[in-house]
Amino acid sequence: MSRINPSPAERTFDEGRLMQVLVAPIVSEKATMVGEKSNAVTFKVLQNATKPEIKAAVELLFKVEVKGVSVVNTKGKTKRFGKTVGRRDNVRKAYVMLKPGQELNLSGEAA
């Protein structure tokens, strides 16, 4: 890279960091509905992960083309267990839209 500020297409990321960006897939009723409606997959990601990093990580790990990434930060709820007050973790979710014709199989079954 010869330019000081590369465009997002030219930007390269540390592969070790990309392996850690995606924490877990989110398998829920809402995530399934979104997936069927807009060909999107939902992931739990690191709190400080950026959209370009998430896109690069999904493309690297799953060998698919990504159309776009939307990110949602969910604040953790305060919950009580008897006298003890606890707090759930904050969660950062990434909705990764795949290009038409692309498919991501998270169930682990052989196609």
N, C-alpha and C. Protein backbone atom coordinates (compact mmCIF):
# COMPACT_ATOMS: atom_id res chain seq x y z
N MET A 1 0.84 -1.18 0.00
CA MET A 1 0.00 0.00 0.00
C MET A 1 0.88 1.24 0.00
N SER A 2 0.69 2.05 -0.99
CA SER A 2 1.51 3.23 -1.08
C SER A 2 0.79 4.47 -0.57
N ARG A 3 -0.55 4.42 -0.56
CA ARG A 3 -1.31 5.59 -0.12
C ARG A 3 -1.41 5.62 1.40
N ILE A 4 -1.57 6.85 1.92
CA ILE A 4 -1.66 7.01 3.37
C ILE A 4 -3.03 6.52 3.87
N ASN A 5 -4.10 6.94 3.21
CA ASN A 5 -5.45 6.49 3.58
C ASN A 5 -6.03 5.64 2.47
N PRO A 6 -5.89 4.32 2.56
CA PRO A 6 -6.42 3.46 1.49
C PRO A 6 -7.94 3.42 1.51
N SER A 7 -8.52 3.18 0.35
CA SER A 7 -9.97 3.04 0.27
C SER A 7 -10.35 1.73 0.95
N PRO A 8 -11.63 1.55 1.32
CA PRO A 8 -12.02 0.31 2.00
C PRO A 8 -11.69 -0.95 1.20
N ALA A 9 -11.73 -0.86 -0.13
CA ALA A 9 -11.43 -2.03 -0.95
C ALA A 9 -9.95 -2.42 -0.86
N GLU A 10 -9.07 -1.42 -0.66
CA GLU A 10 -7.63 -1.67 -0.61
C GLU A 10 -7.14 -2.02 0.79
N ARG A 11 -7.96 -1.76 1.79
CA ARG A 11 -7.57 -1.95 3.18
C ARG A 11 -7.36 -3.44 3.48
N THR A 12 -6.29 -3.75 4.18
CA THR A 12 -6.05 -5.13 4.58
C THR A 12 -6.10 -5.21 6.10
N PHE A 13 -6.56 -6.36 6.59
CA PHE A 13 -6.70 -6.55 8.02
C PHE A 13 -5.81 -7.68 8.48
N ASP A 14 -5.45 -7.65 9.73
CA ASP A 14 -4.67 -8.71 10.35
C ASP A 14 -5.53 -9.97 10.44
N GLU A 15 -5.05 -11.06 9.86
CA GLU A 15 -5.86 -12.29 9.79
C GLU A 15 -6.17 -12.84 11.17
N GLY A 16 -5.26 -12.71 12.11
CA GLY A 16 -5.49 -13.17 13.48
C GLY A 16 -6.63 -12.41 14.12
N ARG A 17 -6.70 -11.12 13.88
CA ARG A 17 -7.78 -10.28 14.41
C ARG A 17 -9.11 -10.69 13.77
N LEU A 18 -9.11 -10.94 12.46
CA LEU A 18 -10.34 -11.32 11.77
C LEU A 18 -10.90 -12.63 12.30
N MET A 19 -10.03 -13.53 12.73
CA MET A 19 -10.48 -14.81 13.27
C MET A 19 -11.23 -14.62 14.60
N GLN A 20 -10.94 -13.51 15.30
CA GLN A 20 -11.56 -13.26 16.60
C GLN A 20 -12.79 -12.36 16.51
N VAL A 21 -12.98 -11.65 15.40
CA VAL A 21 -14.07 -10.67 15.27
C VAL A 21 -15.44 -11.33 15.44
N LEU A 22 -15.68 -12.44 14.78
CA LEU A 22 -16.97 -13.13 14.90
C LEU A 22 -16.93 -14.02 16.14
N VAL A 23 -17.79 -13.70 17.12
CA VAL A 23 -17.80 -14.46 18.37
C VAL A 23 -18.65 -15.72 18.21
N ALA A 24 -19.90 -15.56 17.71
CA ALA A 24 -20.80 -16.70 17.56
C ALA A 24 -21.94 -16.34 16.64
N PRO A 25 -22.50 -17.32 15.93
CA PRO A 25 -23.71 -17.05 15.16
C PRO A 25 -24.89 -16.94 16.12
N ILE A 26 -25.86 -16.11 15.79
CA ILE A 26 -27.05 -15.98 16.61
C ILE A 26 -28.15 -16.78 15.93
N VAL A 27 -28.61 -17.82 16.63
CA VAL A 27 -29.68 -18.66 16.09
C VAL A 27 -30.91 -18.42 16.95
N SER A 28 -31.83 -17.62 16.43
CA SER A 28 -33.06 -17.31 17.14
C SER A 28 -34.17 -17.19 16.11
N GLU A 29 -35.38 -17.06 16.61
CA GLU A 29 -36.52 -16.93 15.71
C GLU A 29 -36.39 -15.68 14.85
N LYS A 30 -36.00 -14.57 15.48
CA LYS A 30 -35.86 -13.31 14.76
C LYS A 30 -34.75 -13.40 13.70
N ALA A 31 -33.62 -13.98 14.08
CA ALA A 31 -32.49 -14.11 13.15
C ALA A 31 -32.87 -14.98 11.95
N THR A 32 -33.65 -16.01 12.19
CA THR A 32 -34.09 -16.89 11.10
C THR A 32 -35.03 -16.15 10.16
N MET A 33 -35.95 -15.37 10.74
CA MET A 33 -36.90 -14.59 9.92
C MET A 33 -36.15 -13.60 9.03
N VAL A 34 -35.18 -12.89 9.62
CA VAL A 34 -34.39 -11.92 8.86
C VAL A 34 -33.60 -12.63 7.77
N GLY A 35 -33.06 -13.81 8.09
CA GLY A 35 -32.28 -14.58 7.13
C GLY A 35 -33.10 -14.99 5.92
N GLU A 36 -34.33 -15.44 6.16
CA GLU A 36 -35.19 -15.86 5.06
C GLU A 36 -35.65 -14.67 4.22
N LYS A 37 -35.90 -13.56 4.88
CA LYS A 37 -36.45 -12.38 4.20
C LYS A 37 -35.41 -11.66 3.34
N SER A 38 -34.20 -11.46 3.90
CA SER A 38 -33.23 -10.61 3.18
C SER A 38 -31.88 -11.29 2.96
N ASN A 39 -31.83 -12.62 2.98
CA ASN A 39 -30.59 -13.36 2.75
C ASN A 39 -29.47 -12.83 3.64
N ALA A 40 -29.77 -12.73 4.95
CA ALA A 40 -28.80 -12.21 5.91
C ALA A 40 -28.50 -13.26 6.98
N VAL A 41 -27.31 -13.15 7.56
CA VAL A 41 -26.91 -14.03 8.65
C VAL A 41 -26.55 -13.14 9.83
N THR A 42 -26.92 -13.56 11.04
CA THR A 42 -26.69 -12.74 12.23
C THR A 42 -25.56 -13.33 13.06
N PHE A 43 -24.63 -12.47 13.48
CA PHE A 43 -23.50 -12.89 14.30
C PHE A 43 -23.38 -12.01 15.52
N LYS A 44 -22.88 -12.60 16.62
CA LYS A 44 -22.46 -11.84 17.77
C LYS A 44 -21.01 -11.48 17.48
N VAL A 45 -20.63 -10.21 17.61
CA VAL A 45 -19.26 -9.79 17.26
C VAL A 45 -18.63 -9.04 18.43
N LEU A 46 -17.32 -8.81 18.34
CA LEU A 46 -16.61 -8.06 19.37
C LEU A 46 -17.17 -6.65 19.48
N GLN A 47 -17.11 -6.07 20.70
CA GLN A 47 -17.64 -4.72 20.93
C GLN A 47 -16.97 -3.67 20.05
N ASN A 48 -15.69 -3.84 19.76
CA ASN A 48 -14.97 -2.82 19.00
C ASN A 48 -14.78 -3.20 17.52
N ALA A 49 -15.54 -4.17 17.02
CA ALA A 49 -15.42 -4.58 15.62
C ALA A 49 -16.08 -3.54 14.71
N THR A 50 -15.44 -3.25 13.59
CA THR A 50 -16.00 -2.29 12.63
C THR A 50 -16.69 -3.04 11.50
N LYS A 51 -17.54 -2.33 10.75
CA LYS A 51 -18.25 -2.96 9.64
C LYS A 51 -17.29 -3.55 8.59
N PRO A 52 -16.25 -2.81 8.16
CA PRO A 52 -15.31 -3.40 7.19
C PRO A 52 -14.62 -4.65 7.73
N GLU A 53 -14.29 -4.65 9.03
CA GLU A 53 -13.66 -5.83 9.64
C GLU A 53 -14.61 -7.03 9.62
N ILE A 54 -15.88 -6.78 9.96
CA ILE A 54 -16.87 -7.86 9.98
C ILE A 54 -17.04 -8.43 8.58
N LYS A 55 -17.13 -7.56 7.59
CA LYS A 55 -17.28 -8.00 6.20
C LYS A 55 -16.08 -8.86 5.78
N ALA A 56 -14.88 -8.38 6.08
CA ALA A 56 -13.67 -9.11 5.71
C ALA A 56 -13.60 -10.46 6.43
N ALA A 57 -14.03 -10.50 7.70
CA ALA A 57 -13.98 -11.74 8.48
C ALA A 57 -14.94 -12.78 7.90
N VAL A 58 -16.16 -12.37 7.55
CA VAL A 58 -17.14 -13.31 6.99
C VAL A 58 -16.66 -13.83 5.64
N GLU A 59 -16.12 -12.93 4.80
CA GLU A 59 -15.62 -13.34 3.49
C GLU A 59 -14.44 -14.30 3.63
N LEU A 60 -13.57 -14.07 4.61
CA LEU A 60 -12.41 -14.92 4.82
C LEU A 60 -12.80 -16.30 5.37
N LEU A 61 -13.66 -16.31 6.39
CA LEU A 61 -13.99 -17.57 7.07
C LEU A 61 -14.95 -18.45 6.28
N PHE A 62 -15.91 -17.84 5.58
CA PHE A 62 -16.96 -18.63 4.93
C PHE A 62 -16.88 -18.64 3.41
N LYS A 63 -15.94 -17.90 2.82
CA LYS A 63 -15.74 -17.86 1.37
C LYS A 63 -17.03 -17.48 0.62
N VAL A 64 -17.68 -16.42 1.08
CA VAL A 64 -18.89 -15.90 0.43
C VAL A 64 -18.70 -14.42 0.15
N GLU A 65 -19.55 -13.88 -0.74
CA GLU A 65 -19.50 -12.44 -1.04
C GLU A 65 -20.54 -11.73 -0.19
N VAL A 66 -20.12 -10.64 0.46
CA VAL A 66 -20.99 -9.89 1.35
C VAL A 66 -21.47 -8.61 0.65
N LYS A 67 -22.79 -8.39 0.71
CA LYS A 67 -23.37 -7.19 0.11
C LYS A 67 -23.30 -6.01 1.07
N GLY A 68 -23.58 -6.25 2.35
CA GLY A 68 -23.56 -5.17 3.33
C GLY A 68 -23.62 -5.69 4.75
N VAL A 69 -23.28 -4.80 5.69
CA VAL A 69 -23.29 -5.16 7.11
C VAL A 69 -24.02 -4.08 7.89
N SER A 70 -24.97 -4.51 8.73
CA SER A 70 -25.64 -3.60 9.66
C SER A 70 -25.27 -4.05 11.06
N VAL A 71 -25.08 -3.08 11.96
CA VAL A 71 -24.64 -3.41 13.31
C VAL A 71 -25.62 -2.83 14.33
N VAL A 72 -25.91 -3.62 15.37
CA VAL A 72 -26.80 -3.18 16.44
C VAL A 72 -26.09 -3.39 17.77
N ASN A 73 -26.08 -2.35 18.62
CA ASN A 73 -25.55 -2.48 19.98
C ASN A 73 -26.72 -2.63 20.93
N THR A 74 -26.75 -3.72 21.70
CA THR A 74 -27.82 -3.96 22.66
C THR A 74 -27.24 -3.85 24.06
N LYS A 75 -27.82 -2.98 24.87
CA LYS A 75 -27.35 -2.82 26.25
C LYS A 75 -27.79 -4.02 27.08
N GLY A 76 -26.93 -4.46 27.99
CA GLY A 76 -27.24 -5.59 28.85
C GLY A 76 -28.27 -5.21 29.91
N LYS A 77 -29.19 -6.11 30.16
CA LYS A 77 -30.24 -5.85 31.15
C LYS A 77 -29.73 -6.11 32.56
N THR A 78 -30.31 -5.40 33.54
CA THR A 78 -30.04 -5.68 34.94
C THR A 78 -31.05 -6.72 35.40
N LYS A 79 -30.55 -7.80 35.96
CA LYS A 79 -31.42 -8.89 36.41
C LYS A 79 -31.14 -9.17 37.88
N ARG A 80 -32.18 -9.67 38.58
CA ARG A 80 -32.03 -10.04 39.98
C ARG A 80 -32.13 -11.54 40.14
N PHE A 81 -31.35 -12.06 41.06
CA PHE A 81 -31.46 -13.47 41.44
C PHE A 81 -31.50 -13.47 42.95
N GLY A 82 -32.71 -13.43 43.50
CA GLY A 82 -32.86 -13.29 44.94
C GLY A 82 -32.41 -11.91 45.35
N LYS A 83 -31.48 -11.84 46.31
CA LYS A 83 -30.97 -10.54 46.76
C LYS A 83 -29.88 -10.01 45.84
N THR A 84 -29.26 -10.90 45.09
CA THR A 84 -28.12 -10.52 44.25
C THR A 84 -28.58 -9.83 42.98
N VAL A 85 -27.98 -8.70 42.69
CA VAL A 85 -28.29 -7.98 41.45
C VAL A 85 -27.15 -8.24 40.48
N GLY A 86 -27.50 -8.71 39.29
CA GLY A 86 -26.49 -8.99 38.28
C GLY A 86 -26.80 -8.20 37.02
N ARG A 87 -25.90 -8.27 36.09
CA ARG A 87 -26.10 -7.54 34.84
C ARG A 87 -25.63 -8.40 33.68
N ARG A 88 -26.45 -8.48 32.65
CA ARG A 88 -26.05 -9.22 31.45
C ARG A 88 -25.06 -8.37 30.66
N ASP A 89 -24.26 -9.04 29.84
CA ASP A 89 -23.28 -8.33 29.02
C ASP A 89 -23.94 -7.53 27.92
N ASN A 90 -23.27 -6.44 27.53
CA ASN A 90 -23.69 -5.72 26.33
C ASN A 90 -23.36 -6.60 25.13
N VAL A 91 -24.22 -6.55 24.10
CA VAL A 91 -24.03 -7.39 22.93
C VAL A 91 -23.99 -6.53 21.68
N ARG A 92 -23.06 -6.82 20.80
CA ARG A 92 -23.00 -6.15 19.49
C ARG A 92 -23.34 -7.21 18.45
N LYS A 93 -24.44 -6.98 17.72
CA LYS A 93 -24.89 -7.94 16.70
C LYS A 93 -24.60 -7.37 15.32
N ALA A 94 -24.20 -8.25 14.42
CA ALA A 94 -23.97 -7.85 13.04
C ALA A 94 -24.92 -8.64 12.14
N TYR A 95 -25.71 -7.92 11.37
CA TYR A 95 -26.56 -8.54 10.35
C TYR A 95 -25.79 -8.44 9.04
N VAL A 96 -25.33 -9.58 8.53
CA VAL A 96 -24.49 -9.61 7.33
C VAL A 96 -25.36 -10.03 6.14
N MET A 97 -25.60 -9.09 5.21
CA MET A 97 -26.38 -9.38 4.02
C MET A 97 -25.46 -9.97 2.95
N LEU A 98 -25.87 -11.11 2.42
CA LEU A 98 -25.09 -11.78 1.38
C LEU A 98 -25.60 -11.41 0.01
N LYS A 99 -24.71 -11.43 -0.98
CA LYS A 99 -25.12 -11.13 -2.36
C LYS A 99 -26.05 -12.23 -2.86
N PRO A 100 -26.92 -11.91 -3.82
CA PRO A 100 -27.84 -12.93 -4.35
C PRO A 100 -27.07 -14.15 -4.86
N GLY A 101 -27.59 -15.33 -4.56
CA GLY A 101 -26.95 -16.56 -4.99
C GLY A 101 -25.94 -17.11 -3.98
N GLN A 102 -25.57 -16.29 -2.99
CA GLN A 102 -24.63 -16.74 -1.96
C GLN A 102 -25.40 -17.39 -0.82
N GLU A 103 -24.80 -18.40 -0.21
CA GLU A 103 -25.46 -19.11 0.88
C GLU A 103 -24.45 -19.46 1.95
N LEU A 104 -24.89 -19.39 3.20
CA LEU A 104 -24.02 -19.69 4.33
C LEU A 104 -24.67 -20.79 5.15
N ASN A 105 -23.98 -21.92 5.32
CA ASN A 105 -24.54 -23.05 6.05
C ASN A 105 -23.91 -23.11 7.44
N LEU A 106 -24.68 -22.71 8.46
CA LEU A 106 -24.17 -22.72 9.83
C LEU A 106 -24.52 -23.99 10.60
N SER A 107 -25.37 -24.84 10.01
CA SER A 107 -25.83 -26.03 10.74
C SER A 107 -24.76 -27.11 10.82
N GLY A 108 -23.73 -27.03 10.00
CA GLY A 108 -22.64 -28.00 10.07
C GLY A 108 -22.87 -29.25 9.25
N GLU A 109 -24.01 -29.36 8.56
CA GLU A 109 -24.27 -30.54 7.73
C GLU A 109 -23.55 -30.41 6.40
N ALA A 110 -23.13 -31.51 5.86
CA ALA A 110 -22.50 -31.50 4.54
C ALA A 110 -23.58 -31.29 3.49
N ALA A 111 -23.28 -30.48 2.49
CA ALA A 111 -24.29 -30.16 1.48
C ALA A 111 -24.51 -31.31 0.52
